[in-house]
């Protein structure tokens, strides 16, 4: 999109009814017709840790990985493999198990 000149911007804005645009937008939102819907995919490692309620360091210790590795998983830079994937699946479904292991 090309940049508009100052004069063109002022001419465009002079024709707009901002209050009406905001009202129309609010009505669409209330009716469930949002203009944009964003779906954010949460990495499985982050979801599992959040369900467990543990800090990154404690969660990494329980999984037997470094905090840096866990951060890479949570930020989507790397994907867990092998046993770590299995542990994350257990942590996501049964976070109480991790807390129980930590208490022992």
Protein backbone atom coordinates (compact mmCIF):
# COMPACT_ATOMS: atom_id res chain seq x y z
CA UNK A 1 0.00 0.00 0.00
CA UNK A 2 1.39 3.37 -1.02
CA UNK A 3 1.73 6.12 1.57
CA UNK A 4 -0.88 8.85 1.37
CA UNK A 5 0.13 12.47 1.37
CA UNK A 6 -0.85 14.71 4.25
CA UNK A 7 -3.40 16.44 2.05
CA UNK A 8 -4.96 13.13 0.94
CA UNK A 9 -5.16 11.93 4.55
CA UNK A 10 -6.94 15.08 5.67
CA UNK A 11 -9.40 14.85 2.76
CA UNK A 12 -10.15 11.20 3.55
CA UNK A 13 -10.59 11.84 7.27
CA UNK A 14 -12.88 14.81 6.67
CA UNK A 15 -15.41 12.44 5.04
CA UNK A 16 -15.34 9.87 7.89
CA UNK A 17 -17.74 9.63 10.80
CA UNK A 18 -15.48 8.01 13.40
CA UNK A 19 -18.23 7.72 16.04
CA UNK A 20 -20.48 5.84 13.60
CA UNK A 21 -17.61 3.51 12.65
CA UNK A 22 -16.92 2.72 16.30
CA UNK A 23 -20.63 2.12 16.99
CA UNK A 24 -20.88 -0.19 13.98
CA UNK A 25 -17.80 -2.08 15.14
CA UNK A 26 -19.22 -2.50 18.65
CA UNK A 27 -22.50 -3.80 17.24
CA UNK A 28 -20.63 -6.34 15.10
CA UNK A 29 -18.62 -7.49 18.12
CA UNK A 30 -21.75 -7.92 20.23
CA UNK A 31 -23.37 -9.89 17.42
CA UNK A 32 -20.32 -12.17 17.28
CA UNK A 33 -19.20 -10.99 13.86
CA UNK A 34 -15.66 -9.96 14.68
CA UNK A 35 -13.65 -8.74 11.72
CA UNK A 36 -10.61 -10.79 12.66
CA UNK A 37 -10.22 -13.87 14.76
CA UNK A 38 -6.74 -14.84 15.85
CA UNK A 39 -5.97 -18.37 16.94
CA UNK A 40 -2.74 -18.70 18.87
CA UNK A 41 -1.34 -22.18 19.04
CA UNK A 42 0.18 -22.87 22.46
CA UNK A 43 3.14 -25.29 22.37
CA UNK A 44 2.50 -28.52 24.28
CA UNK A 45 5.44 -27.87 26.63
CA UNK A 46 4.05 -24.51 27.72
CA UNK A 47 0.54 -25.90 28.18
CA UNK A 48 1.85 -28.81 30.26
CA UNK A 49 3.94 -26.53 32.47
CA UNK A 50 1.10 -24.07 32.99
CA UNK A 51 -1.23 -26.91 34.02
CA UNK A 52 1.35 -28.17 36.49
CA UNK A 53 1.76 -24.75 38.10
CA UNK A 54 5.53 -25.17 38.29
CA UNK A 55 8.20 -22.63 37.43
CA UNK A 56 10.30 -23.21 34.33
CA UNK A 57 13.28 -24.32 36.40
CA UNK A 58 11.31 -26.81 38.53
CA UNK A 59 9.47 -28.18 35.49
CA UNK A 60 12.76 -28.58 33.62
CA UNK A 61 14.25 -30.39 36.63
CA UNK A 62 11.31 -32.80 36.77
CA UNK A 63 11.67 -33.55 33.05
CA UNK A 64 15.44 -33.90 33.34
CA UNK A 65 16.25 -31.17 30.81
CA UNK A 66 17.89 -27.77 31.06
CA UNK A 67 15.78 -24.66 31.56
CA UNK A 68 17.10 -23.42 28.21
CA UNK A 69 15.81 -26.52 26.42
CA UNK A 70 12.40 -26.05 28.04
CA UNK A 71 12.39 -22.39 26.93
CA UNK A 72 13.16 -23.47 23.37
CA UNK A 73 10.22 -25.89 23.47
CA UNK A 74 7.87 -23.31 24.96
CA UNK A 75 8.81 -20.67 22.40
CA UNK A 76 8.50 -23.06 19.47
CA UNK A 77 12.16 -22.92 18.46
CA UNK A 78 12.55 -26.67 19.02
CA UNK A 79 10.23 -29.63 19.47
CA UNK A 80 10.59 -32.27 22.18
CA UNK A 81 11.24 -35.84 21.06
CA UNK A 82 11.25 -39.30 22.55
CA UNK A 83 10.77 -39.67 26.28
CA UNK A 84 10.38 -35.92 26.78
CA UNK A 85 7.29 -35.95 24.55
CA UNK A 86 5.79 -38.76 26.60
CA UNK A 87 6.49 -36.94 29.86
CA UNK A 88 4.92 -33.77 28.49
CA UNK A 89 1.80 -35.70 27.48
CA UNK A 90 1.53 -37.10 31.02
CA UNK A 91 2.15 -33.65 32.50
CA UNK A 92 -0.60 -32.14 30.35
CA UNK A 93 -3.16 -34.80 31.24
CA UNK A 94 -2.21 -35.42 34.87
CA UNK A 95 -0.34 -32.43 36.34
CA UNK A 96 -1.01 -33.80 39.82
CA UNK A 97 1.40 -36.65 39.06
CA UNK A 98 4.27 -34.18 38.61
CA UNK A 99 3.47 -32.42 41.85
CA UNK A 100 3.32 -35.80 43.57
CA UNK A 101 6.73 -36.76 42.17
CA UNK A 102 8.19 -33.47 43.38
CA UNK A 103 6.82 -34.02 46.89
CA UNK A 104 8.42 -37.48 47.12
